[in-house]
N, C-alpha and C. Protein backbone atom coordinates (compact mmCIF):
# COMPACT_ATOMS: atom_id res chain seq x y z
N UNK A 1 -29.25 1.21 5.97
CA UNK A 1 -28.26 0.64 5.13
C UNK A 1 -27.43 2.37 4.39
N UNK A 2 -26.41 2.20 4.46
CA UNK A 2 -25.53 3.16 3.59
C UNK A 2 -25.64 3.40 2.46
N UNK A 3 -25.45 4.17 1.67
CA UNK A 3 -25.13 4.32 0.22
C UNK A 3 -24.23 5.19 0.19
N UNK A 4 -23.21 4.67 -0.71
CA UNK A 4 -21.77 5.01 -0.97
C UNK A 4 -21.51 5.79 -1.90
N UNK A 5 -20.69 7.02 -1.73
CA UNK A 5 -21.01 7.88 -3.22
C UNK A 5 -19.49 8.01 -2.94
N UNK A 6 -18.80 8.39 -4.16
CA UNK A 6 -17.46 9.10 -4.02
C UNK A 6 -17.34 10.17 -4.79
N UNK A 7 -15.97 10.88 -4.72
CA UNK A 7 -15.49 12.14 -5.47
C UNK A 7 -14.95 11.37 -6.67
N UNK A 8 -15.39 11.12 -7.51
CA UNK A 8 -14.78 11.13 -8.64
C UNK A 8 -13.49 12.08 -9.07
N UNK A 9 -13.42 12.85 -8.89
CA UNK A 9 -12.52 13.84 -9.11
C UNK A 9 -10.88 13.64 -8.63
N UNK A 10 -11.28 13.17 -6.94
CA UNK A 10 -9.91 12.88 -6.18
C UNK A 10 -9.60 10.85 -7.13
N UNK A 11 -10.82 10.30 -7.47
CA UNK A 11 -10.36 9.06 -7.83
C UNK A 11 -9.64 8.94 -8.69
N UNK A 12 -10.39 9.92 -9.68
CA UNK A 12 -9.67 9.99 -11.38
C UNK A 12 -8.19 10.48 -11.19
N UNK A 13 -8.16 11.58 -10.33
CA UNK A 13 -7.05 12.57 -10.23
C UNK A 13 -5.32 11.39 -9.74
N UNK A 14 -6.19 10.59 -8.83
CA UNK A 14 -4.71 9.75 -8.10
C UNK A 14 -4.75 7.95 -8.96
N UNK A 15 -5.55 8.08 -9.51
CA UNK A 15 -5.67 6.66 -9.75
C UNK A 15 -6.24 5.60 -9.05
N UNK A 16 -7.00 6.02 -8.47
CA UNK A 16 -7.52 5.42 -7.50
C UNK A 16 -8.75 4.62 -7.97
N UNK A 17 -9.17 3.10 -8.02
CA UNK A 17 -10.82 2.62 -8.69
C UNK A 17 -11.41 2.03 -7.39
N UNK A 18 -12.63 2.21 -7.75
CA UNK A 18 -13.94 1.91 -6.71
C UNK A 18 -12.93 0.73 -6.07
N UNK A 19 -13.04 -0.80 -7.24
CA UNK A 19 -12.44 -1.41 -6.11
C UNK A 19 -11.46 -1.11 -5.11
N UNK A 20 -10.15 -0.69 -5.59
CA UNK A 20 -9.41 -0.23 -4.14
C UNK A 20 -9.91 0.43 -3.09
N UNK A 21 -10.62 1.26 -3.65
CA UNK A 21 -11.55 1.98 -2.52
C UNK A 21 -11.91 1.09 -1.19
N UNK A 22 -12.73 0.23 -2.07
CA UNK A 22 -13.46 -0.85 -1.48
C UNK A 22 -12.44 -2.42 -0.53
N UNK A 23 -11.23 -2.65 -1.46
CA UNK A 23 -10.52 -3.26 -1.18
C UNK A 23 -9.25 -2.51 0.68
N UNK A 24 -9.45 -1.28 0.76
CA UNK A 24 -8.93 -0.60 1.27
C UNK A 24 -10.01 -0.59 3.18
N UNK A 25 -11.37 0.30 2.52
CA UNK A 25 -11.98 0.36 3.35
C UNK A 25 -12.30 -1.28 4.02
N UNK A 26 -12.47 -1.80 3.15
CA UNK A 26 -12.89 -3.21 4.16
C UNK A 26 -11.44 -4.23 4.43
N UNK A 27 -10.64 -4.08 4.64
CA UNK A 27 -9.18 -5.11 5.16
C UNK A 27 -8.05 -3.86 5.99
N UNK A 28 -8.61 -2.39 5.35
CA UNK A 28 -7.67 -1.51 6.06
C UNK A 28 -7.97 -0.75 7.54
N UNK A 29 -6.77 -0.14 8.29
CA UNK A 29 -7.24 0.33 9.48
C UNK A 29 -7.75 1.75 9.44
N UNK A 30 -8.17 2.21 10.16
CA UNK A 30 -9.26 3.40 10.14
C UNK A 30 -8.84 4.24 11.72
N UNK A 31 -8.53 6.18 11.40
CA UNK A 31 -8.32 6.87 12.19
C UNK A 31 -9.36 7.90 11.95
N UNK A 32 -9.73 8.33 12.86
CA UNK A 32 -10.64 8.82 13.32
C UNK A 32 -10.46 10.79 12.95
N UNK A 33 -11.09 11.14 11.92
CA UNK A 33 -10.90 12.52 11.89
C UNK A 33 -11.76 13.69 12.34
N UNK A 34 -10.92 14.73 12.82
CA UNK A 34 -12.22 15.69 13.07
C UNK A 34 -13.37 15.92 12.53
N UNK A 35 -13.74 16.35 12.52
CA UNK A 35 -15.19 16.40 11.84
C UNK A 35 -15.16 17.45 10.92
N UNK A 36 -16.71 16.90 10.00
CA UNK A 36 -16.18 18.33 8.68
C UNK A 36 -16.69 19.53 8.86
N UNK A 37 -16.67 20.68 7.98
CA UNK A 37 -17.03 22.01 8.29
C UNK A 37 -18.85 21.62 8.58
N UNK A 38 -19.40 20.67 7.84
CA UNK A 38 -20.58 20.53 8.58
C UNK A 38 -21.39 19.80 9.68
N UNK A 39 -20.18 19.70 10.31
CA UNK A 39 -20.55 18.99 11.47
C UNK A 39 -20.65 17.31 11.74
N UNK A 40 -20.25 16.40 10.14
CA UNK A 40 -20.19 15.53 10.17
C UNK A 40 -19.03 14.53 10.45
N UNK A 41 -18.95 13.18 11.07
CA UNK A 41 -17.82 12.41 11.38
C UNK A 41 -17.51 12.40 10.22
N UNK A 42 -16.56 11.80 10.24
CA UNK A 42 -14.96 11.55 9.34
C UNK A 42 -14.07 10.48 9.59
N UNK A 43 -14.05 9.14 8.87
CA UNK A 43 -12.73 8.89 9.32
C UNK A 43 -12.21 8.30 7.72
N UNK A 44 -10.68 8.12 7.99
CA UNK A 44 -9.63 8.02 7.42
C UNK A 44 -8.98 6.47 7.43
N UNK A 45 -9.25 6.12 6.24
CA UNK A 45 -8.89 4.30 6.38
C UNK A 45 -7.32 4.40 5.66
N UNK A 46 -6.72 3.48 6.17
CA UNK A 46 -5.39 3.15 5.54
C UNK A 46 -5.36 1.68 5.28
N UNK A 47 -4.91 1.51 4.08
CA UNK A 47 -4.75 -0.05 3.78
C UNK A 47 -3.90 -0.40 2.63
N UNK A 48 -3.55 -1.40 2.16
CA UNK A 48 -3.24 -2.06 1.24
C UNK A 48 -3.78 -2.53 0.18
N UNK A 49 -4.03 -2.13 -1.08
CA UNK A 49 -4.58 -2.92 -1.90
C UNK A 49 -3.91 -4.21 -2.45
N UNK A 50 -4.79 -4.93 -3.30
CA UNK A 50 -4.05 -6.39 -3.80
C UNK A 50 -2.57 -6.11 -4.47
N UNK A 51 -2.40 -5.36 -5.35
CA UNK A 51 -1.41 -4.62 -6.43
C UNK A 51 -0.28 -3.51 -5.24
N UNK A 52 -0.65 -3.79 -3.79
CA UNK A 52 0.31 -3.33 -2.66
C UNK A 52 0.76 -2.25 -2.89
N UNK A 53 -0.25 -1.28 -3.10
CA UNK A 53 -0.55 -0.04 -3.06
C UNK A 53 -1.00 0.51 -1.47
N UNK A 54 -0.33 0.96 -0.99
CA UNK A 54 -0.68 1.97 0.50
C UNK A 54 -1.55 3.10 0.27
N UNK A 55 -3.08 3.33 0.37
CA UNK A 55 -3.67 4.33 0.01
C UNK A 55 -4.13 4.49 1.04
N UNK A 56 -5.07 6.32 1.46
CA UNK A 56 -5.79 6.55 2.50
C UNK A 56 -7.06 7.10 1.83
N UNK A 57 -7.87 6.53 1.98
CA UNK A 57 -9.22 7.06 2.04
C UNK A 57 -10.32 7.48 2.80
N UNK A 58 -10.87 9.07 2.56
CA UNK A 58 -11.40 9.81 3.57
C UNK A 58 -12.71 9.50 2.88
N UNK A 59 -13.32 9.05 4.23
CA UNK A 59 -14.87 9.11 3.86
C UNK A 59 -15.74 10.14 5.67
N UNK A 60 -17.02 10.27 5.00
CA UNK A 60 -17.44 11.67 5.47
C UNK A 60 -19.18 10.67 5.47
N UNK A 61 -19.76 10.80 6.48
CA UNK A 61 -20.83 10.27 7.03
C UNK A 61 -22.47 11.00 7.04
N UNK A 62 -22.91 11.17 6.14
CA UNK A 62 -24.18 12.04 6.48
C UNK A 62 -25.55 10.98 6.53
N UNK A 63 -25.61 11.25 8.24
CA UNK A 63 -26.24 10.55 8.58
C UNK A 63 -27.99 10.76 8.39
N UNK A 64 -28.24 11.73 7.94
CA UNK A 64 -29.76 12.44 7.92
C UNK A 64 -29.87 12.10 6.33
N UNK A 65 -28.85 11.48 5.20
CA UNK A 65 -29.37 11.12 4.37
C UNK A 65 -28.44 9.54 3.99
N UNK A 66 -28.41 9.38 4.94
CA UNK A 66 -27.57 7.77 4.99
C UNK A 66 -26.44 7.60 4.10
N UNK A 67 -25.66 8.27 4.45
CA UNK A 67 -24.50 8.59 2.95
C UNK A 67 -23.13 8.06 3.89
N UNK A 68 -22.35 7.48 2.94
CA UNK A 68 -20.90 7.59 3.32
C UNK A 68 -20.24 7.55 2.07
N UNK A 69 -19.62 8.97 1.70
CA UNK A 69 -19.28 9.88 0.97
C UNK A 69 -17.22 9.45 0.77
N UNK A 70 -16.76 9.31 -0.43
CA UNK A 70 -15.53 8.76 -0.19
C UNK A 70 -14.94 10.40 -0.70
N UNK A 71 -14.50 11.12 0.05
CA UNK A 71 -13.83 12.78 -0.33
C UNK A 71 -12.68 12.64 -0.85
N UNK A 72 -11.64 11.57 -0.39
CA UNK A 72 -10.78 11.73 -0.72
C UNK A 72 -9.96 10.32 -0.99
N UNK A 73 -9.00 10.30 -1.63
CA UNK A 73 -8.57 8.74 -1.94
C UNK A 73 -7.06 9.35 -2.70
N UNK A 74 -5.97 8.67 -2.10
CA UNK A 74 -4.53 8.36 -2.57
C UNK A 74 -3.67 8.27 -1.90
N UNK A 75 -2.46 8.15 -2.31
CA UNK A 75 -1.23 6.88 -2.26
C UNK A 75 -0.82 8.01 -0.52
N UNK A 76 -0.91 6.76 0.24
CA UNK A 76 -1.32 7.46 2.08
C UNK A 76 0.38 8.47 2.24
N UNK A 77 -0.19 9.20 2.47
CA UNK A 77 0.66 10.15 3.67
C UNK A 77 2.01 9.64 4.33
N UNK A 78 3.35 10.31 4.30
CA UNK A 78 4.39 9.93 5.26
C UNK A 78 3.32 9.47 6.59
N UNK A 79 2.40 10.50 7.20
CA UNK A 79 2.20 10.64 8.44
C UNK A 79 1.25 9.15 8.49
N UNK A 80 0.19 9.31 7.22
CA UNK A 80 -0.63 7.45 7.29
C UNK A 80 0.29 6.51 7.29
N UNK A 81 1.29 6.18 6.59
CA UNK A 81 2.10 5.14 6.90
C UNK A 81 2.61 4.61 8.08
N UNK A 82 3.65 6.47 9.00
CA UNK A 82 3.53 5.59 10.20
C UNK A 82 2.20 5.34 11.15
N UNK A 83 1.35 6.14 11.13
CA UNK A 83 0.15 5.01 11.53
C UNK A 83 0.05 4.06 11.11
N UNK A 84 0.00 3.56 9.78
CA UNK A 84 -0.54 2.12 9.79
C UNK A 84 0.83 1.35 10.07
N UNK A 85 1.80 1.49 9.98
CA UNK A 85 2.88 0.75 10.43
C UNK A 85 2.69 0.43 11.91
N UNK A 86 2.82 1.35 12.87
CA UNK A 86 2.43 1.13 14.36
C UNK A 86 0.90 0.43 14.59
N UNK A 87 0.15 0.81 14.03
CA UNK A 87 -1.01 -0.33 14.56
C UNK A 87 -0.69 -1.41 14.10
N UNK A 88 0.04 -1.76 12.69
CA UNK A 88 -0.23 -3.17 12.01
C UNK A 88 0.98 -3.92 12.82
N UNK A 89 1.85 -3.70 13.81
CA UNK A 89 2.37 -3.99 14.49
C UNK A 89 2.70 -5.01 15.53
N UNK A 90 1.84 -4.13 16.47
CA UNK A 90 1.04 -4.37 17.38
C UNK A 90 0.30 -5.83 17.67
């Protein structure tokens, strides 16, 4: 089982709560990102919170330590809004 860790600087800077992160990861769509500089798999989750805020949540997977690290949490960029709209319409 993976343990979830957070970049609290990013969450606090953008006014994103852990509950918001959980909502988006649990119900949003995801896009693969290029591997991190460490070679780890990364995903960008895009989805709405219960208060209708469209967020993007970046997660890096550290298999050796079994950690999922939220490295980015912010309002969805225009690029990710388009990805979300196109995927949800299908």
